[in-house]
Amino acid sequence: MIDNILTVVMFIFTIPMVYIMMFSSKEKDERGKQIINTSFHNAYFILLLGIFLVVISSKLAIFDMDFQTFGNLIVLAILISLIVAGMNIFINNRRM
């Protein structure tokens, strides 16, 4: 069940990454660099927060977690942070 969910999430993850690849041609100007830097700064914060929450919940035994669940939650944190990066790039590209 969780593998199917991760497959769907990984598919959704590809959509912002395709947008980033299309947007990378605009990276050469200052506006593009600022948009990408801001977006990945926010995504990095989300990634650190997600990994921190997963590690803390496993260490404090908030819920019982085996190694596969731990790995799946880390992958989910990475995917969520990259989706946040894609959304930030899309929104900031429209706004600026």
PDB file of N, CA and C in Angstrom:
ATOM      1  N   MET A   1       0.827  -1.200   0.000  1.00  0.00           N
ATOM      2  CA  MET A   1       0.000   0.000   0.000  1.00  0.00           C
ATOM      3  C   MET A   1       0.871   1.264   0.000  1.00  0.00           C
ATOM      4  N   ILE A   2       1.854   1.301   0.905  1.00  0.00           N
ATOM      5  CA  ILE A   2       2.704   2.494   1.003  1.00  0.00           C
ATOM      6  C   ILE A   2       3.566   2.652  -0.244  1.00  0.00           C
ATOM      7  N   ASP A   3       3.920   1.523  -0.882  1.00  0.00           N
ATOM      8  CA  ASP A   3       4.707   1.608  -2.109  1.00  0.00           C
ATOM      9  C   ASP A   3       3.904   2.248  -3.234  1.00  0.00           C
ATOM     10  N   ASN A   4       2.611   1.955  -3.280  1.00  0.00           N
ATOM     11  CA  ASN A   4       1.754   2.584  -4.291  1.00  0.00           C
ATOM     12  C   ASN A   4       1.638   4.080  -4.050  1.00  0.00           C
ATOM     13  N   ILE A   5       1.541   4.462  -2.797  1.00  0.00           N
ATOM     14  CA  ILE A   5       1.448   5.883  -2.460  1.00  0.00           C
ATOM     15  C   ILE A   5       2.739   6.603  -2.842  1.00  0.00           C
ATOM     16  N   LEU A   6       3.882   5.989  -2.548  1.00  0.00           N
ATOM     17  CA  LEU A   6       5.161   6.604  -2.916  1.00  0.00           C
ATOM     18  C   LEU A   6       5.325   6.694  -4.423  1.00  0.00           C
ATOM     19  N   THR A   7       4.801   5.729  -5.168  1.00  0.00           N
ATOM     20  CA  THR A   7       4.857   5.808  -6.625  1.00  0.00           C
ATOM     21  C   THR A   7       4.052   6.994  -7.136  1.00  0.00           C
ATOM     22  N   VAL A   8       2.879   7.196  -6.579  1.00  0.00           N
ATOM     23  CA  VAL A   8       2.052   8.342  -6.980  1.00  0.00           C
ATOM     24  C   VAL A   8       2.746   9.647  -6.596  1.00  0.00           C
ATOM     25  N   VAL A   9       3.323   9.699  -5.414  1.00  0.00           N
ATOM     26  CA  VAL A   9       4.017  10.908  -4.972  1.00  0.00           C
ATOM     27  C   VAL A   9       5.220  11.190  -5.864  1.00  0.00           C
ATOM     28  N   MET A  10       5.947  10.146  -6.250  1.00  0.00           N
ATOM     29  CA  MET A  10       7.093  10.347  -7.132  1.00  0.00           C
ATOM     30  C   MET A  10       6.648  10.842  -8.507  1.00  0.00           C
ATOM     31  N   PHE A  11       5.485  10.398  -8.978  1.00  0.00           N
ATOM     32  CA  PHE A  11       4.958  10.919 -10.237  1.00  0.00           C
ATOM     33  C   PHE A  11       4.620  12.392 -10.104  1.00  0.00           C
ATOM     34  N   ILE A  12       3.985  12.748  -8.987  1.00  0.00           N
ATOM     35  CA  ILE A  12       3.645  14.157  -8.751  1.00  0.00           C
ATOM     36  C   ILE A  12       4.919  14.985  -8.630  1.00  0.00           C
ATOM     37  N   PHE A  13       5.973  14.395  -8.072  1.00  0.00           N
ATOM     38  CA  PHE A  13       7.260  15.069  -7.919  1.00  0.00           C
ATOM     39  C   PHE A  13       7.855  15.469  -9.265  1.00  0.00           C
ATOM     40  N   THR A  14       7.600  14.689 -10.298  1.00  0.00           N
ATOM     41  CA  THR A  14       8.196  14.992 -11.601  1.00  0.00           C
ATOM     42  C   THR A  14       7.608  16.249 -12.234  1.00  0.00           C
ATOM     43  N   ILE A  15       6.387  16.582 -11.893  1.00  0.00           N
ATOM     44  CA  ILE A  15       5.751  17.758 -12.502  1.00  0.00           C
ATOM     45  C   ILE A  15       6.489  19.048 -12.151  1.00  0.00           C
ATOM     46  N   PRO A  16       6.787  19.347 -10.858  1.00  0.00           N
ATOM     47  CA  PRO A  16       7.557  20.563 -10.574  1.00  0.00           C
ATOM     48  C   PRO A  16       8.976  20.517 -11.145  1.00  0.00           C
ATOM     49  N   MET A  17       9.578  19.333 -11.193  1.00  0.00           N
ATOM     50  CA  MET A  17      10.939  19.250 -11.708  1.00  0.00           C
ATOM     51  C   MET A  17      10.974  19.556 -13.214  1.00  0.00           C
ATOM     52  N   VAL A  18       9.941  19.126 -13.953  1.00  0.00           N
ATOM     53  CA  VAL A  18       9.866  19.472 -15.379  1.00  0.00           C
ATOM     54  C   VAL A  18       9.712  20.983 -15.523  1.00  0.00           C
ATOM     55  N   TYR A  19       8.910  21.588 -14.658  1.00  0.00           N
ATOM     56  CA  TYR A  19       8.745  23.047 -14.707  1.00  0.00           C
ATOM     57  C   TYR A  19      10.065  23.746 -14.401  1.00  0.00           C
ATOM     58  N   ILE A  20      10.831  23.233 -13.445  1.00  0.00           N
ATOM     59  CA  ILE A  20      12.128  23.822 -13.113  1.00  0.00           C
ATOM     60  C   ILE A  20      13.065  23.723 -14.313  1.00  0.00           C
ATOM     61  N   MET A  21      13.039  22.591 -15.005  1.00  0.00           N
ATOM     62  CA  MET A  21      13.903  22.442 -16.174  1.00  0.00           C
ATOM     63  C   MET A  21      13.519  23.422 -17.273  1.00  0.00           C
ATOM     64  N   MET A  22      12.233  23.656 -17.437  1.00  0.00           N
ATOM     65  CA  MET A  22      11.791  24.625 -18.437  1.00  0.00           C
ATOM     66  C   MET A  22      12.163  26.041 -18.004  1.00  0.00           C
ATOM     67  N   PHE A  23      12.134  26.293 -16.710  1.00  0.00           N
ATOM     68  CA  PHE A  23      12.406  27.624 -16.179  1.00  0.00           C
ATOM     69  C   PHE A  23      13.900  27.917 -16.125  1.00  0.00           C
ATOM     70  N   SER A  24      14.729  26.872 -16.185  1.00  0.00           N
ATOM     71  CA  SER A  24      16.168  27.069 -16.009  1.00  0.00           C
ATOM     72  C   SER A  24      16.786  27.935 -17.091  1.00  0.00           C
ATOM     73  N   SER A  25      16.130  28.081 -18.229  1.00  0.00           N
ATOM     74  CA  SER A  25      16.668  28.966 -19.264  1.00  0.00           C
ATOM     75  C   SER A  25      16.617  30.425 -18.822  1.00  0.00           C
ATOM     76  N   LYS A  26      15.709  30.740 -17.890  1.00  0.00           N
ATOM     77  CA  LYS A  26      15.617  32.105 -17.376  1.00  0.00           C
ATOM     78  C   LYS A  26      16.555  32.346 -16.199  1.00  0.00           C
ATOM     79  N   GLU A  27      17.322  31.344 -15.834  1.00  0.00           N
ATOM     80  CA  GLU A  27      18.194  31.449 -14.665  1.00  0.00           C
ATOM     81  C   GLU A  27      19.335  32.438 -14.890  1.00  0.00           C
ATOM     82  N   LYS A  28      19.614  32.788 -16.115  1.00  0.00           N
ATOM     83  CA  LYS A  28      20.769  33.621 -16.401  1.00  0.00           C
ATOM     84  C   LYS A  28      20.598  35.062 -15.918  1.00  0.00           C
ATOM     85  N   ASP A  29      19.377  35.542 -15.815  1.00  0.00           N
ATOM     86  CA  ASP A  29      19.199  36.906 -15.334  1.00  0.00           C
ATOM     87  C   ASP A  29      19.057  36.930 -13.810  1.00  0.00           C
ATOM     88  N   GLU A  30      19.122  38.111 -13.232  1.00  0.00           N
ATOM     89  CA  GLU A  30      19.084  38.262 -11.767  1.00  0.00           C
ATOM     90  C   GLU A  30      17.748  37.824 -11.187  1.00  0.00           C
ATOM     91  N   ARG A  31      16.667  38.122 -11.890  1.00  0.00           N
ATOM     92  CA  ARG A  31      15.344  37.750 -11.403  1.00  0.00           C
ATOM     93  C   ARG A  31      15.227  36.237 -11.285  1.00  0.00           C
ATOM     94  N   GLY A  32      15.691  35.522 -12.286  1.00  0.00           N
ATOM     95  CA  GLY A  32      15.632  34.068 -12.266  1.00  0.00           C
ATOM     96  C   GLY A  32      16.474  33.474 -11.157  1.00  0.00           C
ATOM     97  N   LYS A  33      17.658  34.035 -10.955  1.00  0.00           N
ATOM     98  CA  LYS A  33      18.517  33.544  -9.875  1.00  0.00           C
ATOM     99  C   LYS A  33      17.869  33.778  -8.520  1.00  0.00           C
ATOM    100  N   GLN A  34      17.247  34.938  -8.360  1.00  0.00           N
ATOM    101  CA  GLN A  34      16.592  35.246  -7.087  1.00  0.00           C
ATOM    102  C   GLN A  34      15.413  34.303  -6.839  1.00  0.00           C
ATOM    103  N   ILE A  35      14.641  34.013  -7.878  1.00  0.00           N
ATOM    104  CA  ILE A  35      13.495  33.111  -7.732  1.00  0.00           C
ATOM    105  C   ILE A  35      13.960  31.717  -7.342  1.00  0.00           C
ATOM    106  N   ILE A  36      14.986  31.217  -8.015  1.00  0.00           N
ATOM    107  CA  ILE A  36      15.468  29.867  -7.728  1.00  0.00           C
ATOM    108  C   ILE A  36      16.106  29.794  -6.341  1.00  0.00           C
ATOM    109  N   ASN A  37      16.882  30.805  -5.971  1.00  0.00           N
ATOM    110  CA  ASN A  37      17.502  30.806  -4.637  1.00  0.00           C
ATOM    111  C   ASN A  37      16.460  30.836  -3.535  1.00  0.00           C
ATOM    112  N   THR A  38      15.449  31.681  -3.679  1.00  0.00           N
ATOM    113  CA  THR A  38      14.390  31.767  -2.673  1.00  0.00           C
ATOM    114  C   THR A  38      13.619  30.455  -2.576  1.00  0.00           C
ATOM    115  N   SER A  39      13.313  29.882  -3.723  1.00  0.00           N
ATOM    116  CA  SER A  39      12.525  28.646  -3.739  1.00  0.00           C
ATOM    117  C   SER A  39      13.273  27.488  -3.094  1.00  0.00           C
ATOM    118  N   PHE A  40      14.546  27.324  -3.436  1.00  0.00           N
ATOM    119  CA  PHE A  40      15.279  26.211  -2.857  1.00  0.00           C
ATOM    120  C   PHE A  40      15.663  26.467  -1.406  1.00  0.00           C
ATOM    121  N   HIS A  41      15.732  27.727  -0.994  1.00  0.00           N
ATOM    122  CA  HIS A  41      15.930  28.029   0.427  1.00  0.00           C
ATOM    123  C   HIS A  41      14.723  27.555   1.222  1.00  0.00           C
ATOM    124  N   ASN A  42      13.529  27.838   0.726  1.00  0.00           N
ATOM    125  CA  ASN A  42      12.311  27.380   1.403  1.00  0.00           C
ATOM    126  C   ASN A  42      12.215  25.860   1.396  1.00  0.00           C
ATOM    127  N   ALA A  43      12.575  25.247   0.277  1.00  0.00           N
ATOM    128  CA  ALA A  43      12.516  23.784   0.188  1.00  0.00           C
ATOM    129  C   ALA A  43      13.516  23.131   1.138  1.00  0.00           C
ATOM    130  N   TYR A  44      14.683  23.735   1.277  1.00  0.00           N
ATOM    131  CA  TYR A  44      15.690  23.199   2.194  1.00  0.00           C
ATOM    132  C   TYR A  44      15.184  23.237   3.636  1.00  0.00           C
ATOM    133  N   PHE A  45      14.507  24.318   4.003  1.00  0.00           N
ATOM    134  CA  PHE A  45      13.937  24.424   5.346  1.00  0.00           C
ATOM    135  C   PHE A  45      12.886  23.338   5.567  1.00  0.00           C
ATOM    136  N   ILE A  46      12.031  23.105   4.586  1.00  0.00           N
ATOM    137  CA  ILE A  46      11.006  22.066   4.694  1.00  0.00           C
ATOM    138  C   ILE A  46      11.655  20.691   4.811  1.00  0.00           C
ATOM    139  N   LEU A  47      12.732  20.461   4.052  1.00  0.00           N
ATOM    140  CA  LEU A  47      13.435  19.181   4.109  1.00  0.00           C
ATOM    141  C   LEU A  47      14.034  18.948   5.493  1.00  0.00           C
ATOM    142  N   LEU A  48      14.698  19.959   6.032  1.00  0.00           N
ATOM    143  CA  LEU A  48      15.283  19.813   7.367  1.00  0.00           C
ATOM    144  C   LEU A  48      14.217  19.576   8.423  1.00  0.00           C
ATOM    145  N   LEU A  49      13.114  20.288   8.318  1.00  0.00           N
ATOM    146  CA  LEU A  49      12.017  20.105   9.260  1.00  0.00           C
ATOM    147  C   LEU A  49      11.436  18.698   9.163  1.00  0.00           C
ATOM    148  N   GLY A  50      11.249  18.200   7.943  1.00  0.00           N
ATOM    149  CA  GLY A  50      10.706  16.857   7.757  1.00  0.00           C
ATOM    150  C   GLY A  50      11.623  15.784   8.309  1.00  0.00           C
ATOM    151  N   ILE A  51      12.923  15.880   8.002  1.00  0.00           N
ATOM    152  CA  ILE A  51      13.872  14.892   8.510  1.00  0.00           C
ATOM    153  C   ILE A  51      13.964  14.973  10.028  1.00  0.00           C
ATOM    154  N   PHE A  52      13.951  16.183  10.562  1.00  0.00           N
ATOM    155  CA  PHE A  52      13.988  16.360  12.012  1.00  0.00           C
ATOM    156  C   PHE A  52      12.782  15.696  12.671  1.00  0.00           C
ATOM    157  N   LEU A  53      11.601  15.896  12.113  1.00  0.00           N
ATOM    158  CA  LEU A  53      10.399  15.298  12.699  1.00  0.00           C
ATOM    159  C   LEU A  53      10.427  13.773  12.619  1.00  0.00           C
ATOM    160  N   VAL A  54      10.932  13.226  11.511  1.00  0.00           N
ATOM    161  CA  VAL A  54      11.005  11.770  11.378  1.00  0.00           C
ATOM    162  C   VAL A  54      11.994  11.195  12.389  1.00  0.00           C
ATOM    163  N   VAL A  55      13.164  11.819  12.514  1.00  0.00           N
ATOM    164  CA  VAL A  55      14.176  11.310  13.444  1.00  0.00           C
ATOM    165  C   VAL A  55      13.708  11.441  14.884  1.00  0.00           C
ATOM    166  N   ILE A  56      13.132  12.564  15.233  1.00  0.00           N
ATOM    167  CA  ILE A  56      12.643  12.765  16.600  1.00  0.00           C
ATOM    168  C   ILE A  56      11.524  11.779  16.927  1.00  0.00           C
ATOM    169  N   SER A  57      10.609  11.568  15.977  1.00  0.00           N
ATOM    170  CA  SER A  57       9.513  10.635  16.257  1.00  0.00           C
ATOM    171  C   SER A  57      10.014   9.207  16.387  1.00  0.00           C
ATOM    172  N   SER A  58      11.089   8.861  15.675  1.00  0.00           N
ATOM    173  CA  SER A  58      11.624   7.501  15.830  1.00  0.00           C
ATOM    174  C   SER A  58      12.417   7.362  17.128  1.00  0.00           C
ATOM    175  N   LYS A  59      13.139   8.384  17.531  1.00  0.00           N
ATOM    176  CA  LYS A  59      13.932   8.317  18.760  1.00  0.00           C
ATOM    177  C   LYS A  59      13.058   8.356  20.008  1.00  0.00           C
ATOM    178  N   LEU A  60      11.998   9.139  19.968  1.00  0.00           N
ATOM    179  CA  LEU A  60      11.123   9.237  21.125  1.00  0.00           C
ATOM    180  C   LEU A  60      10.054   8.150  21.137  1.00  0.00           C
ATOM    181  N   ALA A  61      10.051   7.319  20.108  1.00  0.00           N
ATOM    182  CA  ALA A  61       9.087   6.219  19.981  1.00  0.00           C
ATOM    183  C   ALA A  61       7.655   6.728  20.069  1.00  0.00           C
ATOM    184  N   ILE A  62       7.383   7.814  19.358  1.00  0.00           N
ATOM    185  CA  ILE A  62       6.020   8.344  19.321  1.00  0.00           C
ATOM    186  C   ILE A  62       5.088   7.323  18.672  1.00  0.00           C
ATOM    187  N   PHE A  63       5.560   6.697  17.611  1.00  0.00           N
ATOM    188  CA  PHE A  63       4.847   5.555  17.044  1.00  0.00           C
ATOM    189  C   PHE A  63       5.880   4.528  16.600  1.00  0.00           C
ATOM    190  N   ASP A  64       5.466   3.276  16.609  1.00  0.00           N
ATOM    191  CA  ASP A  64       6.390   2.185  16.296  1.00  0.00           C
ATOM    192  C   ASP A  64       6.770   2.244  14.818  1.00  0.00           C
ATOM    193  N   MET A  65       8.067   2.217  14.547  1.00  0.00           N
ATOM    194  CA  MET A  65       8.535   2.430  13.190  1.00  0.00           C
ATOM    195  C   MET A  65       9.669   1.453  12.895  1.00  0.00           C
ATOM    196  N   ASP A  66       9.518   0.685  11.806  1.00  0.00           N
ATOM    197  CA  ASP A  66      10.615  -0.179  11.379  1.00  0.00           C
ATOM    198  C   ASP A  66      11.482   0.580  10.370  1.00  0.00           C
ATOM    199  N   PHE A  67      12.523  -0.078   9.893  1.00  0.00           N
ATOM    200  CA  PHE A  67      13.485   0.594   9.012  1.00  0.00           C
ATOM    201  C   PHE A  67      12.850   1.004   7.690  1.00  0.00           C
ATOM    202  N   GLN A  68      11.956   0.174   7.151  1.00  0.00           N
ATOM    203  CA  GLN A  68      11.319   0.507   5.879  1.00  0.00           C
ATOM    204  C   GLN A  68      10.414   1.732   6.027  1.00  0.00           C
ATOM    205  N   THR A  69       9.672   1.818   7.101  1.00  0.00           N
ATOM    206  CA  THR A  69       8.822   2.989   7.342  1.00  0.00           C
ATOM    207  C   THR A  69       9.678   4.234   7.517  1.00  0.00           C
ATOM    208  N   PHE A  70      10.788   4.102   8.244  1.00  0.00           N
ATOM    209  CA  PHE A  70      11.698   5.231   8.432  1.00  0.00           C
ATOM    210  C   PHE A  70      12.221   5.729   7.082  1.00  0.00           C
ATOM    211  N   GLY A  71      12.660   4.798   6.234  1.00  0.00           N
ATOM    212  CA  GLY A  71      13.158   5.156   4.910  1.00  0.00           C
ATOM    213  C   GLY A  71      12.086   5.792   4.043  1.00  0.00           C
ATOM    214  N   ASN A  72      10.863   5.246   4.096  1.00  0.00           N
ATOM    215  CA  ASN A  72       9.761   5.813   3.322  1.00  0.00           C
ATOM    216  C   ASN A  72       9.427   7.233   3.774  1.00  0.00           C
ATOM    217  N   LEU A  73       9.474   7.476   5.070  1.00  0.00           N
ATOM    218  CA  LEU A  73       9.189   8.824   5.569  1.00  0.00           C
ATOM    219  C   LEU A  73      10.277   9.821   5.174  1.00  0.00           C
ATOM    220  N   ILE A  74      11.536   9.380   5.135  1.00  0.00           N
ATOM    221  CA  ILE A  74      12.618  10.258   4.683  1.00  0.00           C
ATOM    222  C   ILE A  74      12.443  10.588   3.207  1.00  0.00           C
ATOM    223  N   VAL A  75      12.116   9.574   2.394  1.00  0.00           N
ATOM    224  CA  VAL A  75      11.873   9.815   0.963  1.00  0.00           C
ATOM    225  C   VAL A  75      10.692  10.744   0.783  1.00  0.00           C
ATOM    226  N   LEU A  76       9.658  10.576   1.580  1.00  0.00           N
ATOM    227  CA  LEU A  76       8.496  11.453   1.508  1.00  0.00           C
ATOM    228  C   LEU A  76       8.864  12.891   1.864  1.00  0.00           C
ATOM    229  N   ALA A  77       9.730  13.075   2.854  1.00  0.00           N
ATOM    230  CA  ALA A  77      10.180  14.423   3.213  1.00  0.00           C
ATOM    231  C   ALA A  77      10.953  15.062   2.060  1.00  0.00           C
ATOM    232  N   ILE A  78      11.788  14.284   1.390  1.00  0.00           N
ATOM    233  CA  ILE A  78      12.537  14.804   0.242  1.00  0.00           C
ATOM    234  C   ILE A  78      11.587  15.198  -0.881  1.00  0.00           C
ATOM    235  N   LEU A  79      10.619  14.332  -1.174  1.00  0.00           N
ATOM    236  CA  LEU A  79       9.681  14.631  -2.251  1.00  0.00           C
ATOM    237  C   LEU A  79       8.824  15.849  -1.934  1.00  0.00           C
ATOM    238  N   ILE A  80       8.392  15.979  -0.704  1.00  0.00           N
ATOM    239  CA  ILE A  80       7.585  17.143  -0.322  1.00  0.00           C
ATOM    240  C   ILE A  80       8.402  18.418  -0.464  1.00  0.00           C
ATOM    241  N   SER A  81       9.670  18.379  -0.068  1.00  0.00           N
ATOM    242  CA  SER A  81      10.496  19.583  -0.191  1.00  0.00           C
ATOM    243  C   SER A  81      10.704  19.969  -1.652  1.00  0.00           C
ATOM    244  N   LEU A  82      10.841  18.997  -2.539  1.00  0.00           N
ATOM    245  CA  LEU A  82      11.010  19.324  -3.952  1.00  0.00           C
ATOM    246  C   LEU A  82       9.712  19.813  -4.585  1.00  0.00           C
ATOM    247  N   ILE A  83       8.584  19.302  -4.122  1.00  0.00           N
ATOM    248  CA  ILE A  83       7.300  19.826  -4.588  1.00  0.00           C
ATOM    249  C   ILE A  83       7.127  21.261  -4.121  1.00  0.00           C
ATOM    250  N   VAL A  84       7.537  21.544  -2.899  1.00  0.00           N
ATOM    251  CA  VAL A  84       7.484  22.921  -2.391  1.00  0.00           C
ATOM    252  C   VAL A  84       8.381  23.832  -3.230  1.00  0.00           C
ATOM    253  N   ALA A  85       9.552  23.336  -3.618  1.00  0.00           N
ATOM    254  CA  ALA A  85      10.445  24.131  -4.465  1.00  0.00           C
ATOM    255  C   ALA A  85       9.791  24.437  -5.800  1.00  0.00           C
ATOM    256  N   GLY A  86       9.168  23.442  -6.402  1.00  0.00           N
ATOM    257  CA  GLY A  86       8.495  23.663  -7.677  1.00  0.00           C
ATOM    258  C   GLY A  86       7.336  24.637  -7.566  1.00  0.00           C
ATOM    259  N   MET A  87       6.564  24.512  -6.484  1.00  0.00           N
ATOM    260  CA  MET A  87       5.446  25.435  -6.290  1.00  0.00           C
ATOM    261  C   MET A  87       5.941  26.849  -6.054  1.00  0.00           C
ATOM    262  N   ASN A  88       7.021  27.007  -5.281  1.00  0.00           N
ATOM    263  CA  ASN A  88       7.572  28.334  -5.042  1.00  0.00           C
ATOM    264  C   ASN A  88       8.087  28.962  -6.329  1.00  0.00           C
ATOM    265  N   ILE A  89       8.749  28.176  -7.152  1.00  0.00           N
ATOM    266  CA  ILE A  89       9.240  28.711  -8.425  1.00  0.00           C
ATOM    267  C   ILE A  89       8.078  29.139  -9.298  1.00  0.00           C
ATOM    268  N   PHE A  90       7.031  28.316  -9.369  1.00  0.00           N
ATOM    269  CA  PHE A  90       5.869  28.658 -10.184  1.00  0.00           C
ATOM    270  C   PHE A  90       5.204  29.942  -9.691  1.00  0.00           C
ATOM    271  N   ILE A  91       4.987  30.028  -8.373  1.00  0.00           N
ATOM    272  CA  ILE A  91       4.310  31.202  -7.802  1.00  0.00           C
ATOM    273  C   ILE A  91       5.164  32.447  -7.938  1.00  0.00           C
ATOM    274  N   ASN A  92       6.463  32.342  -7.607  1.00  0.00           N
ATOM    275  CA  ASN A  92       7.329  33.522  -7.704  1.00  0.00           C
ATOM    276  C   ASN A  92       7.548  33.954  -9.142  1.00  0.00           C
ATOM    277  N   ASN A  93       7.528  33.019 -10.084  1.00  0.00           N
ATOM    278  CA  ASN A  93       7.664  33.386 -11.485  1.00  0.00           C
ATOM    279  C   ASN A  93       6.456  34.193 -11.954  1.00  0.00           C
ATOM    280  N   ARG A  94       5.282  33.857 -11.465  1.00  0.00           N
ATOM    281  CA  ARG A  94       4.069  34.607 -11.828  1.00  0.00           C
ATOM    282  C   ARG A  94       4.024  35.960 -11.127  1.00  0.00           C
ATOM    283  N   ARG A  95       4.531  36.005  -9.894  1.00  0.00           N
ATOM    284  CA  ARG A  95       4.431  37.220  -9.083  1.00  0.00           C
ATOM    285  C   ARG A  95       5.436  38.277  -9.469  1.00  0.00           C
ATOM    286  N   MET A  96       6.675  37.870  -9.735  1.00  0.00           N
ATOM    287  CA  MET A  96       7.758  38.835  -9.954  1.00  0.00           C
ATOM    288  C   MET A  96       7.798  39.329 -11.368  1.00  0.00           C
TER     289      MET A  96
END
